[in-house]
Amino acid sequence: MQIYNLKDLRSQDVIFRLFQLLLEQFDKLLIIDLKGMEKVLDKRHIGLICDCTNPYYWDSLKQAVSYKVYSRVKRDCNRYIEEYGLNHTRLLIRDLLHKKFQEMMNCKEEFYQEAA
């Protein structure tokens, strides 16, 4: 990340790279709105989505199947979450992250120099 001391954090390039890293890590999170589960009619989809909320499911799946199968299950789970609109909270949080980042980047330079 090319951060060696606190002074390096004054660089906008570094801050943008840190924000990109934050978004990459956030995108790995699985956030599901369980309130919308009544929209899901297919019992297989309900089962998969419920399994996806259990971290032990992912650990056991990773050990039991190949990476290709694991990736397919993960992709299917994400597809069902999007298809049934169970990702509103996740999208809201991601949007709030973007807005807060923009707000912080648009603050006056003198404020963040004082903070550093």
N, C-alpha and C. Protein backbone atom coordinates (compact mmCIF):
# COMPACT_ATOMS: atom_id res chain seq x y z
N MET A 1 0.82 -1.20 0.00
CA MET A 1 0.00 0.00 0.00
C MET A 1 0.86 1.26 0.00
N GLN A 2 2.15 1.11 0.15
CA GLN A 2 3.09 2.23 0.17
C GLN A 2 2.81 3.19 1.33
N ILE A 3 2.50 2.63 2.48
CA ILE A 3 2.31 3.42 3.69
C ILE A 3 3.42 3.02 4.65
N TYR A 4 4.29 3.97 4.93
CA TYR A 4 5.43 3.68 5.79
C TYR A 4 5.39 4.50 7.08
N ASN A 5 4.68 5.63 7.06
CA ASN A 5 4.53 6.44 8.26
C ASN A 5 3.22 7.22 8.15
N LEU A 6 2.87 7.93 9.19
CA LEU A 6 1.59 8.65 9.20
C LEU A 6 1.52 9.73 8.13
N LYS A 7 2.64 10.30 7.78
CA LYS A 7 2.65 11.35 6.76
C LYS A 7 2.15 10.82 5.41
N ASP A 8 2.40 9.54 5.15
CA ASP A 8 1.94 8.94 3.89
C ASP A 8 0.42 8.94 3.77
N LEU A 9 -0.26 9.01 4.90
CA LEU A 9 -1.73 9.02 4.88
C LEU A 9 -2.31 10.34 4.39
N ARG A 10 -1.47 11.33 4.17
CA ARG A 10 -1.94 12.61 3.62
C ARG A 10 -2.13 12.53 2.10
N SER A 11 -1.57 11.54 1.49
CA SER A 11 -1.65 11.39 0.04
C SER A 11 -3.04 10.89 -0.35
N GLN A 12 -3.67 11.58 -1.29
CA GLN A 12 -4.99 11.14 -1.76
C GLN A 12 -4.92 9.80 -2.46
N ASP A 13 -3.82 9.52 -3.15
CA ASP A 13 -3.68 8.22 -3.81
C ASP A 13 -3.72 7.09 -2.80
N VAL A 14 -3.03 7.28 -1.69
CA VAL A 14 -3.02 6.27 -0.63
C VAL A 14 -4.41 6.10 -0.05
N ILE A 15 -5.09 7.20 0.18
CA ILE A 15 -6.43 7.15 0.75
C ILE A 15 -7.39 6.43 -0.20
N PHE A 16 -7.28 6.71 -1.49
CA PHE A 16 -8.13 6.01 -2.46
C PHE A 16 -7.83 4.51 -2.48
N ARG A 17 -6.57 4.14 -2.40
CA ARG A 17 -6.21 2.72 -2.37
C ARG A 17 -6.75 2.05 -1.10
N LEU A 18 -6.68 2.74 0.02
CA LEU A 18 -7.23 2.19 1.25
C LEU A 18 -8.75 2.01 1.15
N PHE A 19 -9.41 2.97 0.52
CA PHE A 19 -10.85 2.85 0.36
C PHE A 19 -11.20 1.68 -0.56
N GLN A 20 -10.43 1.50 -1.62
CA GLN A 20 -10.66 0.37 -2.51
C GLN A 20 -10.48 -0.95 -1.77
N LEU A 21 -9.47 -1.02 -0.92
CA LEU A 21 -9.25 -2.21 -0.11
C LEU A 21 -10.43 -2.44 0.83
N LEU A 22 -10.94 -1.38 1.44
CA LEU A 22 -12.11 -1.49 2.30
C LEU A 22 -13.30 -2.06 1.53
N LEU A 23 -13.53 -1.53 0.32
CA LEU A 23 -14.66 -2.02 -0.49
C LEU A 23 -14.47 -3.48 -0.89
N GLU A 24 -13.26 -3.87 -1.23
CA GLU A 24 -12.99 -5.27 -1.59
C GLU A 24 -13.31 -6.18 -0.42
N GLN A 25 -12.92 -5.79 0.78
CA GLN A 25 -13.20 -6.60 1.96
C GLN A 25 -14.69 -6.59 2.28
N PHE A 26 -15.33 -5.44 2.12
CA PHE A 26 -16.77 -5.36 2.38
C PHE A 26 -17.54 -6.25 1.42
N ASP A 27 -17.12 -6.29 0.16
CA ASP A 27 -17.82 -7.10 -0.84
C ASP A 27 -17.73 -8.60 -0.55
N LYS A 28 -16.79 -8.99 0.28
CA LYS A 28 -16.67 -10.40 0.67
C LYS A 28 -17.68 -10.77 1.75
N LEU A 29 -18.25 -9.77 2.40
CA LEU A 29 -19.23 -10.04 3.46
C LEU A 29 -20.55 -10.50 2.87
N LEU A 30 -21.22 -11.37 3.59
CA LEU A 30 -22.53 -11.84 3.18
C LEU A 30 -23.55 -11.24 4.13
N ILE A 31 -24.30 -10.26 3.64
CA ILE A 31 -25.32 -9.58 4.44
C ILE A 31 -26.66 -9.85 3.79
N ILE A 32 -27.56 -10.50 4.54
CA ILE A 32 -28.84 -10.93 3.98
C ILE A 32 -29.97 -10.33 4.80
N ASP A 33 -30.98 -9.79 4.12
CA ASP A 33 -32.19 -9.30 4.77
C ASP A 33 -33.14 -10.49 4.94
N LEU A 34 -33.19 -11.06 6.10
CA LEU A 34 -34.04 -12.23 6.32
C LEU A 34 -35.52 -11.88 6.36
N LYS A 35 -35.84 -10.59 6.51
CA LYS A 35 -37.25 -10.19 6.52
C LYS A 35 -37.93 -10.49 5.19
N GLY A 36 -37.18 -10.48 4.10
CA GLY A 36 -37.77 -10.71 2.79
C GLY A 36 -37.86 -12.16 2.39
N MET A 37 -37.58 -13.08 3.30
CA MET A 37 -37.56 -14.50 2.96
C MET A 37 -38.92 -15.03 2.53
N GLU A 38 -40.00 -14.34 2.88
CA GLU A 38 -41.32 -14.82 2.47
C GLU A 38 -41.50 -14.75 0.95
N LYS A 39 -40.66 -13.96 0.27
CA LYS A 39 -40.71 -13.86 -1.19
C LYS A 39 -40.16 -15.12 -1.86
N VAL A 40 -39.33 -15.85 -1.14
CA VAL A 40 -38.67 -17.03 -1.70
C VAL A 40 -39.63 -18.21 -1.63
N LEU A 41 -40.03 -18.72 -2.78
CA LEU A 41 -41.00 -19.80 -2.82
C LEU A 41 -40.34 -21.17 -2.98
N ASP A 42 -39.22 -21.24 -3.63
CA ASP A 42 -38.53 -22.51 -3.87
C ASP A 42 -37.81 -22.95 -2.59
N LYS A 43 -38.17 -24.13 -2.07
CA LYS A 43 -37.61 -24.60 -0.81
C LYS A 43 -36.10 -24.84 -0.91
N ARG A 44 -35.61 -25.20 -2.09
CA ARG A 44 -34.15 -25.39 -2.25
C ARG A 44 -33.44 -24.05 -2.08
N HIS A 45 -34.02 -23.01 -2.61
CA HIS A 45 -33.42 -21.68 -2.48
C HIS A 45 -33.45 -21.22 -1.02
N ILE A 46 -34.55 -21.49 -0.34
CA ILE A 46 -34.65 -21.13 1.08
C ILE A 46 -33.58 -21.87 1.87
N GLY A 47 -33.42 -23.15 1.59
CA GLY A 47 -32.42 -23.94 2.29
C GLY A 47 -31.01 -23.42 2.07
N LEU A 48 -30.70 -23.09 0.82
CA LEU A 48 -29.36 -22.59 0.51
C LEU A 48 -29.12 -21.24 1.17
N ILE A 49 -30.09 -20.36 1.10
CA ILE A 49 -29.92 -19.03 1.70
C ILE A 49 -29.76 -19.15 3.22
N CYS A 50 -30.55 -20.01 3.85
CA CYS A 50 -30.41 -20.20 5.30
C CYS A 50 -29.06 -20.82 5.64
N ASP A 51 -28.63 -21.79 4.84
CA ASP A 51 -27.30 -22.38 5.06
C ASP A 51 -26.21 -21.32 4.95
N CYS A 52 -26.38 -20.41 4.02
CA CYS A 52 -25.37 -19.38 3.77
C CYS A 52 -25.17 -18.45 4.95
N THR A 53 -26.16 -18.35 5.82
CA THR A 53 -26.03 -17.47 6.97
C THR A 53 -25.22 -18.12 8.10
N ASN A 54 -24.90 -19.38 7.94
CA ASN A 54 -24.15 -20.11 8.97
C ASN A 54 -22.68 -20.20 8.56
N PRO A 55 -21.77 -19.60 9.32
CA PRO A 55 -20.34 -19.64 8.95
C PRO A 55 -19.77 -21.06 8.95
N TYR A 56 -20.34 -21.95 9.78
CA TYR A 56 -19.86 -23.33 9.81
C TYR A 56 -20.18 -24.06 8.50
N TYR A 57 -21.27 -23.65 7.86
CA TYR A 57 -21.62 -24.23 6.56
C TYR A 57 -20.50 -23.99 5.56
N TRP A 58 -19.99 -22.76 5.52
CA TRP A 58 -18.93 -22.42 4.57
C TRP A 58 -17.64 -23.16 4.89
N ASP A 59 -17.32 -23.29 6.18
CA ASP A 59 -16.12 -24.02 6.57
C ASP A 59 -16.20 -25.48 6.17
N SER A 60 -17.33 -26.12 6.46
CA SER A 60 -17.47 -27.53 6.12
C SER A 60 -17.54 -27.73 4.61
N LEU A 61 -18.19 -26.81 3.90
CA LEU A 61 -18.27 -26.91 2.45
C LEU A 61 -16.89 -26.78 1.82
N LYS A 62 -16.11 -25.85 2.32
CA LYS A 62 -14.76 -25.64 1.79
C LYS A 62 -13.90 -26.89 1.94
N GLN A 63 -14.09 -27.61 3.02
CA GLN A 63 -13.31 -28.82 3.27
C GLN A 63 -13.84 -30.01 2.48
N ALA A 64 -15.13 -30.01 2.16
CA ALA A 64 -15.77 -31.18 1.55
C ALA A 64 -15.73 -31.19 0.03
N VAL A 65 -15.66 -30.03 -0.59
CA VAL A 65 -15.77 -29.99 -2.06
C VAL A 65 -14.58 -29.24 -2.66
N SER A 66 -14.51 -29.30 -3.97
CA SER A 66 -13.44 -28.59 -4.67
C SER A 66 -13.71 -27.09 -4.68
N TYR A 67 -12.68 -26.33 -5.02
CA TYR A 67 -12.81 -24.87 -5.09
C TYR A 67 -13.85 -24.48 -6.13
N LYS A 68 -13.92 -25.23 -7.22
CA LYS A 68 -14.87 -24.93 -8.29
C LYS A 68 -16.32 -25.07 -7.80
N VAL A 69 -16.59 -26.14 -7.07
CA VAL A 69 -17.94 -26.36 -6.54
C VAL A 69 -18.25 -25.30 -5.47
N TYR A 70 -17.28 -25.02 -4.62
CA TYR A 70 -17.45 -24.00 -3.58
C TYR A 70 -17.79 -22.65 -4.21
N SER A 71 -17.08 -22.29 -5.26
CA SER A 71 -17.33 -21.01 -5.95
C SER A 71 -18.72 -20.99 -6.58
N ARG A 72 -19.14 -22.13 -7.13
CA ARG A 72 -20.47 -22.20 -7.75
C ARG A 72 -21.56 -22.01 -6.71
N VAL A 73 -21.42 -22.65 -5.55
CA VAL A 73 -22.41 -22.51 -4.48
C VAL A 73 -22.46 -21.06 -4.00
N LYS A 74 -21.30 -20.46 -3.85
CA LYS A 74 -21.24 -19.06 -3.41
C LYS A 74 -21.91 -18.14 -4.44
N ARG A 75 -21.63 -18.39 -5.71
CA ARG A 75 -22.22 -17.59 -6.80
C ARG A 75 -23.74 -17.77 -6.82
N ASP A 76 -24.21 -19.03 -6.66
CA ASP A 76 -25.66 -19.29 -6.64
C ASP A 76 -26.32 -18.58 -5.47
N CYS A 77 -25.69 -18.65 -4.32
CA CYS A 77 -26.24 -17.99 -3.13
C CYS A 77 -26.36 -16.48 -3.36
N ASN A 78 -25.32 -15.88 -3.88
CA ASN A 78 -25.37 -14.43 -4.16
C ASN A 78 -26.42 -14.10 -5.20
N ARG A 79 -26.57 -14.97 -6.19
CA ARG A 79 -27.58 -14.74 -7.24
C ARG A 79 -28.99 -14.77 -6.65
N TYR A 80 -29.26 -15.74 -5.78
CA TYR A 80 -30.58 -15.84 -5.16
C TYR A 80 -30.85 -14.64 -4.25
N ILE A 81 -29.84 -14.21 -3.53
CA ILE A 81 -29.99 -13.05 -2.65
C ILE A 81 -30.37 -11.82 -3.47
N GLU A 82 -29.71 -11.63 -4.62
CA GLU A 82 -30.04 -10.50 -5.48
C GLU A 82 -31.40 -10.69 -6.14
N GLU A 83 -31.67 -11.89 -6.61
CA GLU A 83 -32.92 -12.19 -7.32
C GLU A 83 -34.15 -11.92 -6.44
N TYR A 84 -34.06 -12.27 -5.16
CA TYR A 84 -35.19 -12.09 -4.26
C TYR A 84 -35.13 -10.76 -3.50
N GLY A 85 -34.17 -9.92 -3.81
CA GLY A 85 -34.08 -8.60 -3.18
C GLY A 85 -33.74 -8.65 -1.70
N LEU A 86 -32.89 -9.60 -1.33
CA LEU A 86 -32.52 -9.75 0.08
C LEU A 86 -31.22 -9.02 0.39
N ASN A 87 -30.85 -8.09 -0.47
CA ASN A 87 -29.57 -7.40 -0.32
C ASN A 87 -29.73 -5.89 -0.11
N HIS A 88 -30.89 -5.44 0.31
CA HIS A 88 -31.10 -4.00 0.48
C HIS A 88 -30.19 -3.40 1.55
N THR A 89 -30.03 -4.09 2.66
CA THR A 89 -29.17 -3.58 3.74
C THR A 89 -27.73 -3.49 3.27
N ARG A 90 -27.28 -4.52 2.57
CA ARG A 90 -25.90 -4.53 2.07
C ARG A 90 -25.67 -3.37 1.10
N LEU A 91 -26.61 -3.16 0.20
CA LEU A 91 -26.48 -2.07 -0.76
C LEU A 91 -26.53 -0.71 -0.07
N LEU A 92 -27.38 -0.60 0.94
CA LEU A 92 -27.48 0.65 1.70
C LEU A 92 -26.16 0.96 2.41
N ILE A 93 -25.59 -0.04 3.06
CA ILE A 93 -24.32 0.17 3.77
C ILE A 93 -23.22 0.54 2.79
N ARG A 94 -23.17 -0.13 1.63
CA ARG A 94 -22.14 0.18 0.63
C ARG A 94 -22.30 1.61 0.13
N ASP A 95 -23.53 2.02 -0.11
CA ASP A 95 -23.80 3.38 -0.55
C ASP A 95 -23.38 4.39 0.53
N LEU A 96 -23.66 4.08 1.79
CA LEU A 96 -23.27 4.97 2.88
C LEU A 96 -21.74 5.05 3.00
N LEU A 97 -21.05 3.95 2.75
CA LEU A 97 -19.58 3.99 2.75
C LEU A 97 -19.07 4.95 1.68
N HIS A 98 -19.66 4.86 0.48
CA HIS A 98 -19.26 5.77 -0.61
C HIS A 98 -19.53 7.23 -0.24
N LYS A 99 -20.71 7.48 0.30
CA LYS A 99 -21.07 8.86 0.65
C LYS A 99 -20.15 9.42 1.72
N LYS A 100 -19.86 8.61 2.73
CA LYS A 100 -18.98 9.08 3.81
C LYS A 100 -17.58 9.32 3.27
N PHE A 101 -17.12 8.47 2.38
CA PHE A 101 -15.80 8.66 1.79
C PHE A 101 -15.75 9.96 0.99
N GLN A 102 -16.78 10.22 0.19
CA GLN A 102 -16.84 11.46 -0.58
C GLN A 102 -16.88 12.67 0.35
N GLU A 103 -17.66 12.56 1.41
CA GLU A 103 -17.77 13.65 2.37
C GLU A 103 -16.40 13.93 3.01
N MET A 104 -15.71 12.88 3.37
CA MET A 104 -14.40 13.06 4.02
C MET A 104 -13.36 13.59 3.04
N MET A 105 -13.45 13.20 1.78
CA MET A 105 -12.49 13.67 0.79
C MET A 105 -12.76 15.12 0.40
N ASN A 106 -13.98 15.57 0.58
CA ASN A 106 -14.33 16.94 0.21
C ASN A 106 -14.17 17.93 1.36
N CYS A 107 -13.74 17.44 2.51
CA CYS A 107 -13.57 18.37 3.63
C CYS A 107 -12.36 19.27 3.35
N LYS A 108 -12.30 20.37 4.04
CA LYS A 108 -11.21 21.32 3.81
C LYS A 108 -9.88 20.71 4.23
N GLU A 109 -8.87 20.95 3.44
CA GLU A 109 -7.56 20.38 3.65
C GLU A 109 -7.00 20.70 5.03
N GLU A 110 -7.28 21.88 5.54
CA GLU A 110 -6.73 22.29 6.83
C GLU A 110 -7.24 21.40 7.97
N PHE A 111 -8.48 20.89 7.84
CA PHE A 111 -9.02 20.04 8.89
C PHE A 111 -8.30 18.71 8.99
N TYR A 112 -8.07 18.07 7.84
CA TYR A 112 -7.44 16.77 7.92
C TYR A 112 -5.93 16.89 8.15
N GLN A 113 -5.33 18.03 7.86
CA GLN A 113 -3.92 18.21 8.21
C GLN A 113 -3.76 18.35 9.71
N GLU A 114 -4.72 19.02 10.35
CA GLU A 114 -4.70 19.15 11.79
C GLU A 114 -4.86 17.80 12.47
N ALA A 115 -5.72 16.96 11.89
CA ALA A 115 -5.96 15.64 12.47
C ALA A 115 -4.74 14.75 12.35
N ALA A 116 -4.01 14.87 11.25
CA ALA A 116 -2.84 14.02 11.04
C ALA A 116 -1.74 14.50 11.94
